[in-house]
Protein backbone atom coordinates (compact mmCIF):
# COMPACT_ATOMS: atom_id res chain seq x y z
CA MET A 1 152.27 180.78 29.38
CA ILE A 2 149.44 178.26 29.89
CA THR A 3 146.79 178.41 27.17
CA PRO A 4 143.48 176.56 26.70
CA GLN A 5 143.62 173.36 24.66
CA PRO A 6 140.98 171.40 22.71
CA PRO A 7 139.57 168.38 24.56
CA ARG A 8 141.28 165.02 24.27
CA GLY A 9 138.49 163.19 26.08
CA LEU A 10 134.85 163.66 26.99
CA TYR A 11 133.02 162.67 30.18
CA LEU A 12 129.26 162.11 29.85
CA HIS A 13 127.37 161.92 33.15
CA VAL A 14 124.25 159.74 33.37
CA PRO A 15 122.70 160.41 36.81
CA PHE A 16 120.14 157.60 37.07
CA CYS A 17 120.30 154.72 39.57
CA ARG A 18 117.80 152.12 40.72
CA SER A 19 118.52 153.13 44.32
CA LEU A 20 120.86 155.46 46.21
CA CYS A 21 123.76 153.89 48.12
CA PRO A 22 124.34 155.69 51.44
CA TYR A 23 128.06 156.28 50.87
CA CYS A 24 127.65 157.75 47.37
CA ASP A 25 128.46 161.44 46.76
CA PHE A 26 127.99 161.42 42.99
CA VAL A 27 125.15 163.28 41.30
CA VAL A 28 122.46 160.60 41.32
CA VAL A 29 118.71 160.58 40.71
CA ALA A 30 117.19 157.32 41.98
CA GLY A 31 113.90 155.50 42.28
CA ALA A 32 110.87 156.36 40.17
CA ALA A 33 112.77 159.04 38.26
CA ALA A 34 115.12 156.35 36.93
CA PHE A 35 112.62 153.76 35.68
CA GLY A 36 108.91 153.17 35.19
CA PRO A 37 106.16 155.53 34.02
CA ARG A 38 107.65 158.58 35.80
CA SER A 39 111.16 158.05 34.49
CA ARG A 40 113.01 161.23 33.57
CA ILE A 41 115.42 159.50 31.23
CA GLY A 42 113.62 160.75 28.10
CA GLY A 43 113.92 164.41 29.09
CA TYR A 44 117.51 163.88 30.12
CA LEU A 45 118.41 162.36 26.77
CA ARG A 46 116.95 165.26 24.83
CA ALA A 47 118.85 167.70 27.05
CA VAL A 48 122.22 165.92 26.97
CA GLU A 49 122.08 165.63 23.18
CA ARG A 50 121.54 169.38 23.06
CA GLU A 51 124.47 169.96 25.41
CA ILE A 52 126.74 167.79 23.25
CA ASP A 53 125.82 169.98 20.28
CA LEU A 54 126.35 173.25 22.16
CA ARG A 55 129.66 172.22 23.70
CA ALA A 56 130.93 170.94 20.35
CA ALA A 57 130.00 174.22 18.69
CA ALA A 58 131.89 176.12 21.40
CA VAL A 59 134.98 173.95 20.87
CA ASP A 60 134.74 174.55 17.11
CA ARG A 61 134.64 178.32 17.70
CA SER A 62 137.61 178.23 20.06
CA PHE A 63 139.90 175.80 18.26
CA GLY A 64 138.58 175.31 14.74
CA ALA A 65 136.84 172.31 13.21
CA LEU A 66 138.25 168.79 13.39
CA GLY A 67 141.34 168.45 11.23
CA SER A 68 141.78 172.19 10.78
CA ALA A 69 144.73 174.19 12.06
CA LEU A 70 144.40 174.91 15.76
CA ARG A 71 143.70 178.53 16.56
CA THR A 72 146.43 178.23 19.20
CA GLY A 73 148.84 177.64 16.31
CA ASP A 74 149.95 174.24 17.55
CA GLY A 75 149.19 171.51 15.01
CA THR A 76 145.69 170.50 13.97
CA ARG A 77 142.66 169.63 16.05
CA ALA A 78 142.37 165.88 16.61
CA PRO A 79 139.34 163.71 17.44
CA LEU A 80 138.78 162.52 21.00
CA GLU A 81 140.99 159.80 22.41
CA SER A 82 138.39 158.70 24.94
CA LEU A 83 134.73 158.84 25.86
CA TYR A 84 133.65 157.90 29.37
CA LEU A 85 130.00 157.34 30.26
CA GLY A 86 129.81 157.52 34.04
CA GLY A 87 127.17 157.94 36.66
CA GLY A 88 124.92 156.98 38.17
CA THR A 89 124.35 153.82 36.22
CA PRO A 90 124.78 154.48 32.48
CA SER A 91 123.99 150.83 31.73
CA LEU A 92 120.36 151.65 32.62
CA LEU A 93 120.03 153.61 29.37
CA PRO A 94 117.96 151.94 26.64
CA GLU A 95 120.15 150.25 24.01
CA GLU A 96 119.12 152.61 21.22
CA ALA A 97 119.70 155.68 23.43
CA LEU A 98 123.22 154.57 24.35
CA ALA A 99 124.05 153.98 20.69
CA ALA A 100 122.63 157.38 19.74
CA LEU A 101 124.71 159.21 22.35
CA ILE A 102 127.96 157.56 21.27
CA ALA A 103 127.12 158.29 17.63
CA ARG A 104 126.38 161.93 18.45
CA VAL A 105 129.70 162.38 20.25
CA ARG A 106 131.49 160.74 17.31
CA ASP A 107 129.70 163.04 14.87
CA ARG A 108 130.23 166.29 16.80
CA PHE A 109 133.63 165.78 18.49
CA GLY A 110 135.10 162.88 16.54
CA LEU A 111 136.42 159.65 18.02
CA ALA A 112 139.89 158.52 17.00
CA ASN A 113 140.43 155.07 15.55
CA GLY A 114 140.93 152.81 18.54
CA ALA A 115 139.48 155.35 20.95
CA GLU A 116 138.64 154.04 24.41
CA VAL A 117 134.88 154.15 25.09
CA THR A 118 134.08 153.23 28.69
CA LEU A 119 130.66 152.36 30.09
CA GLU A 120 130.11 152.15 33.84
CA CYS A 121 127.66 149.45 34.80
CA ASN A 122 126.26 147.79 37.90
CA PRO A 123 126.32 143.99 38.03
CA GLY A 124 122.66 143.44 39.02
CA VAL A 125 120.45 141.60 36.54
CA ASP A 126 118.16 144.62 36.14
CA GLU A 127 121.04 147.13 36.03
CA ARG A 128 123.78 145.74 33.78
CA GLY A 129 122.01 146.37 30.46
CA ASP A 130 122.72 144.56 27.21
CA ALA A 131 126.51 144.19 26.93
CA ARG A 132 126.35 142.93 23.35
CA ALA A 133 124.33 145.95 22.23
CA ALA A 134 126.76 148.24 24.08
CA VAL A 135 129.76 146.75 22.27
CA GLN A 136 127.95 147.07 18.93
CA ALA A 137 127.32 150.74 19.78
CA GLY A 138 131.04 151.31 20.25
CA VAL A 139 131.79 150.54 23.91
CA THR A 140 135.26 149.01 24.26
CA ARG A 141 135.69 149.03 28.03
CA PHE A 142 133.32 148.17 30.89
CA SER A 143 133.86 149.51 34.40
CA ILE A 144 131.82 147.33 36.76
CA GLY A 145 130.81 148.65 40.20
CA VAL A 146 131.55 145.54 42.25
CA GLN A 147 132.67 147.20 45.55
CA SER A 148 132.89 143.86 47.37
CA MET A 149 132.50 140.14 46.87
CA ASN A 150 131.24 139.76 50.44
CA VAL A 151 127.46 139.29 50.75
CA ASP A 152 127.17 141.01 54.13
CA ALA A 153 129.32 143.95 53.05
CA LEU A 154 127.24 144.44 49.90
CA ARG A 155 124.06 144.49 51.95
CA ASP A 156 125.52 147.01 54.40
CA LEU A 157 126.65 149.24 51.53
CA GLY A 158 123.15 149.28 50.09
CA ARG A 159 124.19 147.44 46.94
CA ARG A 160 121.49 145.52 45.08
CA HIS A 161 123.67 142.80 43.55
CA THR A 162 125.27 139.59 44.81
CA PRO A 163 128.70 138.04 44.12
CA ASP A 164 126.99 135.65 41.69
CA ASP A 165 125.63 138.66 39.79
CA VAL A 166 129.18 139.98 39.49
CA SER A 167 130.43 136.71 38.00
CA GLU A 168 127.55 136.66 35.51
CA CYS A 169 128.13 140.29 34.54
CA VAL A 170 131.85 139.78 33.88
CA ALA A 171 131.07 136.68 31.81
CA ALA A 172 128.44 138.62 29.83
CA VAL A 173 130.72 141.52 28.91
CA ARG A 174 133.49 139.09 27.97
CA ALA A 175 131.10 137.13 25.74
CA ALA A 176 129.96 140.40 24.17
CA GLY A 177 133.50 141.11 22.99
CA ALA A 178 134.63 143.81 25.41
CA THR A 179 138.23 144.85 24.81
CA SER A 180 138.83 145.60 28.48
CA VAL A 181 137.02 144.79 31.74
CA SER A 182 137.61 146.79 34.91
CA ILE A 183 136.16 146.25 38.37
CA ASP A 184 135.94 148.64 41.32
CA LEU A 185 136.46 147.52 44.92
CA LEU A 186 136.20 149.44 48.20
CA ALA A 187 138.72 149.13 51.03
CA ASP A 188 138.47 149.99 54.73
CA LEU A 189 134.86 148.82 54.88
CA PRO A 190 133.19 149.08 58.29
CA ASN A 191 132.93 145.85 60.27
CA VAL A 192 134.81 143.81 57.64
CA SER A 193 137.83 141.94 59.00
CA LEU A 194 141.12 141.79 57.14
CA GLU A 195 140.50 138.08 56.56
CA SER A 196 137.07 138.70 55.04
CA TRP A 197 138.43 141.50 52.88
CA ALA A 198 141.26 139.26 51.70
CA ALA A 199 138.75 136.57 50.73
CA SER A 200 136.76 139.15 48.78
CA LEU A 201 139.93 140.23 46.98
CA SER A 202 140.70 136.61 46.09
CA ASP A 203 137.23 136.19 44.62
CA ALA A 204 137.67 139.42 42.62
CA ILE A 205 141.03 138.29 41.23
CA ALA A 206 139.46 134.96 40.25
CA LEU A 207 137.12 136.89 37.93
CA ASP A 208 140.22 137.58 35.81
CA PRO A 209 139.55 141.27 35.05
CA ASP A 210 141.98 143.39 33.06
CA HIS A 211 141.94 146.32 35.47
CA MET A 212 141.14 146.88 39.15
CA SER A 213 140.44 150.13 40.97
CA VAL A 214 140.58 149.88 44.77
CA TYR A 215 139.44 152.97 46.66
CA ALA A 216 139.42 153.50 50.40
CA LEU A 217 135.84 154.18 51.50
CA THR A 218 135.71 157.94 52.16
CA LEU A 219 132.68 159.15 54.04
CA ALA A 220 131.70 162.82 53.88
CA THR A 221 129.64 163.52 57.00
CA ASP A 222 129.35 167.32 56.84
CA GLY A 223 125.99 167.29 55.00
CA ALA A 224 127.08 169.90 52.44
CA ASP A 225 124.20 170.57 50.08
CA ALA A 226 123.75 172.06 46.66
CA GLY A 227 123.54 175.53 48.18
CA ASP A 228 127.16 175.18 49.29
CA ALA A 229 128.45 173.49 46.15
CA ASP A 230 126.30 173.67 43.03
CA ASP A 231 127.97 170.59 41.51
CA ARG A 232 126.61 168.38 44.31
CA LEU A 233 123.23 167.37 45.63
CA ALA A 234 122.11 167.45 49.24
CA THR A 235 122.93 164.27 51.18
CA PRO A 236 119.79 162.60 52.60
CA ALA A 237 119.57 162.51 56.40
CA GLY A 238 119.43 158.71 56.40
CA ALA A 239 122.68 158.52 54.41
CA LEU A 240 124.38 160.92 56.82
CA ALA A 241 123.32 158.78 59.77
CA TRP A 242 124.65 155.65 58.05
CA ARG A 243 127.95 157.38 57.32
CA ALA A 244 128.40 158.42 60.94
CA ARG A 245 127.93 154.82 62.07
CA ALA A 246 130.16 153.46 59.32
CA ALA A 247 132.97 155.96 59.95
CA ALA A 248 133.06 154.94 63.61
CA ALA A 249 133.59 151.32 62.53
CA GLN A 250 136.44 152.03 60.12
CA ASP A 251 140.00 151.17 61.11
CA GLU A 252 142.96 153.10 59.70
CA GLU A 253 145.43 150.37 60.63
CA ARG A 254 143.32 147.70 58.94
CA GLY A 255 143.06 149.91 55.85
CA ALA A 256 146.86 150.12 55.69
CA GLU A 257 147.11 146.33 55.99
CA GLU A 258 144.68 145.99 53.10
CA LEU A 259 146.89 148.17 50.88
CA GLU A 260 149.92 146.10 51.86
CA LEU A 261 147.95 142.99 50.89
CA LEU A 262 147.10 144.52 47.52
CA ASP A 263 150.76 145.31 46.99
CA ARG A 264 151.58 141.61 47.37
CA ARG A 265 148.59 139.91 45.80
CA LEU A 266 147.96 141.95 42.66
CA PRO A 267 151.50 141.83 41.18
CA ALA A 268 151.51 138.08 41.78
CA ALA A 269 148.27 137.89 39.77
CA GLY A 270 149.71 139.85 36.82
CA PHE A 271 148.59 143.37 37.70
CA ASP A 272 150.90 146.38 37.77
CA TRP A 273 150.25 149.31 40.06
CA TYR A 274 150.15 152.46 37.93
CA GLU A 275 148.23 155.02 40.03
CA ILE A 276 147.56 155.29 43.77
CA SER A 277 144.25 153.41 43.49
CA ASN A 278 144.60 151.63 40.16
CA TRP A 279 146.13 148.38 38.91
CA ALA A 280 146.14 146.95 35.39
CA ARG A 281 147.40 144.14 33.23
CA GLU A 282 149.67 145.24 30.40
CA GLY A 283 147.82 147.41 27.89
CA HIS A 284 144.76 147.95 30.07
CA THR A 285 145.41 151.17 32.00
CA SER A 286 142.50 153.62 31.88
CA ARG A 287 143.35 155.98 29.06
CA HIS A 288 140.56 158.37 30.03
CA ASN A 289 141.67 158.68 33.65
CA ARG A 290 145.26 159.16 32.50
CA LEU A 291 144.11 162.36 30.83
CA TYR A 292 143.07 163.74 34.22
CA TRP A 293 146.37 162.72 35.82
CA GLN A 294 148.26 164.33 32.93
CA ARG A 295 146.28 167.56 33.41
CA ALA A 296 144.97 167.26 29.85
CA ALA A 297 141.84 168.98 28.53
CA VAL A 298 138.62 166.97 28.98
CA GLU A 299 135.14 168.16 27.97
CA ALA A 300 132.11 167.16 30.06
CA VAL A 301 128.33 167.07 29.69
CA GLY A 302 125.50 166.15 32.01
CA PRO A 303 124.31 167.42 35.42
CA GLY A 304 127.19 167.99 37.84
CA ALA A 305 129.81 167.12 35.20
CA HIS A 306 133.27 168.74 35.44
CA ALA A 307 135.34 169.86 32.45
CA PHE A 308 138.88 171.25 32.10
CA ASP A 309 140.43 173.12 29.18
CA GLY A 310 144.01 173.11 30.45
CA VAL A 311 143.55 176.44 32.23
CA ARG A 312 140.14 176.60 33.90
CA ARG A 313 137.83 174.00 35.45
CA ARG A 314 134.13 174.31 34.73
CA TRP A 315 131.17 172.43 36.15
CA ASN A 316 127.47 172.08 35.45
CA SER A 317 124.83 172.52 38.10
CA ALA A 318 123.83 169.22 39.70
CA ASN A 319 120.19 170.29 39.75
CA LEU A 320 118.49 168.16 37.09
CA ASP A 321 115.56 170.58 36.69
CA ALA A 322 117.78 173.64 36.17
CA TRP A 323 120.17 171.75 33.90
CA GLU A 324 117.34 170.42 31.71
CA ALA A 325 115.40 173.69 31.57
CA SER A 326 118.36 175.64 30.19
CA LEU A 327 119.13 173.08 27.53
CA HIS A 328 115.51 172.69 26.44
CA ALA A 329 115.56 176.48 26.00
CA GLY A 330 118.63 176.14 23.77
CA GLU A 331 121.09 177.57 26.31
CA LEU A 332 124.12 176.11 28.03
CA PRO A 333 123.28 174.92 31.55
CA PRO A 334 124.05 176.90 34.71
CA GLY A 335 127.16 176.09 36.66
CA GLY A 336 130.43 177.65 37.63
CA ALA A 337 134.16 177.80 36.97
CA ASP A 338 137.35 178.07 38.99
CA GLU A 339 139.67 180.99 38.57
CA PRO A 340 142.66 179.94 36.44
CA LEU A 341 145.67 178.80 38.44
CA SER A 342 148.90 180.76 38.25
CA GLU A 343 151.75 179.06 36.43
CA GLU A 344 153.21 178.16 39.82
CA GLY A 345 149.87 176.71 40.95
CA ALA A 346 149.51 174.73 37.75
CA ALA A 347 153.03 173.35 38.17
CA ALA A 348 152.23 172.26 41.74
CA GLU A 349 149.02 170.59 40.60
CA LEU A 350 150.83 168.77 37.80
CA LEU A 351 153.50 167.58 40.25
CA VAL A 352 150.87 166.16 42.60
CA LEU A 353 149.04 164.44 39.76
CA SER A 354 152.29 163.02 38.38
CA LEU A 355 153.32 161.70 41.79
CA ARG A 356 150.04 159.81 42.02
CA MET A 357 151.32 157.63 39.18
CA SER A 358 153.93 154.90 39.34
CA THR A 359 156.06 156.70 36.73
CA GLY A 360 156.69 159.46 39.27
CA VAL A 361 158.75 162.51 38.25
CA VAL A 362 162.28 163.41 37.21
CA ARG A 363 163.81 164.35 40.54
CA ASP A 364 166.16 167.14 39.43
CA GLU A 365 163.49 168.83 37.32
CA ALA A 366 161.00 168.75 40.19
CA MET A 367 163.61 170.10 42.60
CA ARG A 368 164.36 173.01 40.25
CA GLY A 369 160.66 173.71 40.01
CA GLY A 370 160.61 175.14 43.53
CA PHE A 371 159.36 172.05 45.33
CA GLY A 372 162.66 170.87 46.75
CA GLU A 373 161.76 171.35 50.40
CA ALA A 374 158.57 169.27 50.11
CA LEU A 375 160.27 166.54 48.07
CA ARG A 376 163.23 166.28 50.42
CA TRP A 377 160.79 165.99 53.32
CA GLY A 378 159.06 163.15 51.46
CA GLU A 379 162.38 161.39 50.89
CA SER A 380 163.59 161.76 54.46
CA ASN A 381 160.32 160.38 55.80
CA GLY A 382 160.21 157.38 53.49
CA LEU A 383 157.36 158.63 51.30
CA LEU A 384 159.50 158.99 48.15
CA ALA A 385 162.27 156.81 46.77
CA PRO A 386 164.20 156.37 43.50
CA HIS A 387 162.22 154.68 40.76
CA PRO A 388 163.35 151.05 40.43
CA ASP A 389 163.62 151.30 36.64
CA ASP A 390 165.07 154.82 36.33
CA SER A 391 167.35 156.30 38.98
CA THR A 392 166.74 159.84 37.67
CA ARG A 393 163.10 159.60 38.75
CA ILE A 394 161.39 159.38 42.15
CA GLN A 395 158.07 157.75 42.96
CA LEU A 396 155.84 157.19 45.97
CA THR A 397 156.75 154.29 48.20
CA LEU A 398 154.06 152.06 49.70
CA ARG A 399 154.23 154.27 52.80
CA GLY A 400 153.99 157.29 50.52
CA ARG A 401 150.81 155.96 48.94
CA LEU A 402 149.32 155.56 52.40
CA LEU A 403 150.36 159.06 53.47
CA SER A 404 150.26 160.84 50.12
CA ASN A 405 148.03 163.64 51.40
CA GLU A 406 150.73 164.58 53.92
CA LEU A 407 153.17 165.12 51.06
CA PHE A 408 150.71 166.71 48.66
CA SER A 409 149.62 169.31 51.21
CA ARG A 410 153.25 170.48 51.41
CA ILE A 411 153.44 170.86 47.63
CA VAL A 412 150.25 172.84 47.07
């Protein structure tokens, strides 16, 4: 029987950005609300501190205080293994506010010795924040939104930084004493040749990061708004028009060639593939994201943030006004929750998440779990193969990583 578990990590969503990129589907509040005399950061900070307190109190009621015997009867409740401040652009927060939030999470949820504390940041001079102050506040890992090292591609994506800004940002977080530096890149960019993308990748590798996430640019063009999904905001008409043009200029074959290039270039540069879109040097995998792929419990605060207790997924409303108003009134914010999966559904979800990772799954166990037909189909079509280091396990092949959705749809 699947039972709720106390959180092992916490995601804290900071929605503010200097400007809105047209491809972005995250919960973002941009422009005057993010800086200047009409900034809403102050009200947000008061509200998110209140949510941290309320969520911590709820966890205490469900599982007992830190260090006490778990009410589930399985060991004692441990402090968090990870804290991830995502956005938006969390590096826009004032230094003292960032320090106060990390301290509040540590006080209310606990942070284990050596816990991973990640801060997402943009590389622009007016967006990256003070890396030294962030490290002093407890940040151990920076995730830098690079997206491309190509000037024209950055301009087309609506990014405000330049490749030189990226180099300066990486140098700054290194000098500040960051334990780990990760950069994000986008693949299958419209109107970017394979040669140009390869040059951008070379420039990114030359930055000598510890971790690289490379995501294919996915463009939602349906215009779904907050009335259809309360955890999202309406997509501006201008962004939808940009996406339609960009989607027409994407090239599936070129995107596959880019992944093949990654598969050659990154191992040669000292990076190991460990998840469909993620590569890391030894000791630098994202511990927070691993919790999601392991289907572990993760708490979440902030507008639009998603949490999981091991049984049920819960989300906050993306509407900043509604989210703030509830918390200023001393109540948990509005939102929703999925119905719990059946044990069979949870097993299928865990199998998909496990197959996303390079470790794969034990073949015989997965076959006995009722997924034999789907797994044999994956093997016969070259999507799955024996793990090179353990013949009892199977993992996605390069072809499987390209066509993973074809396999996953047969599992779930």
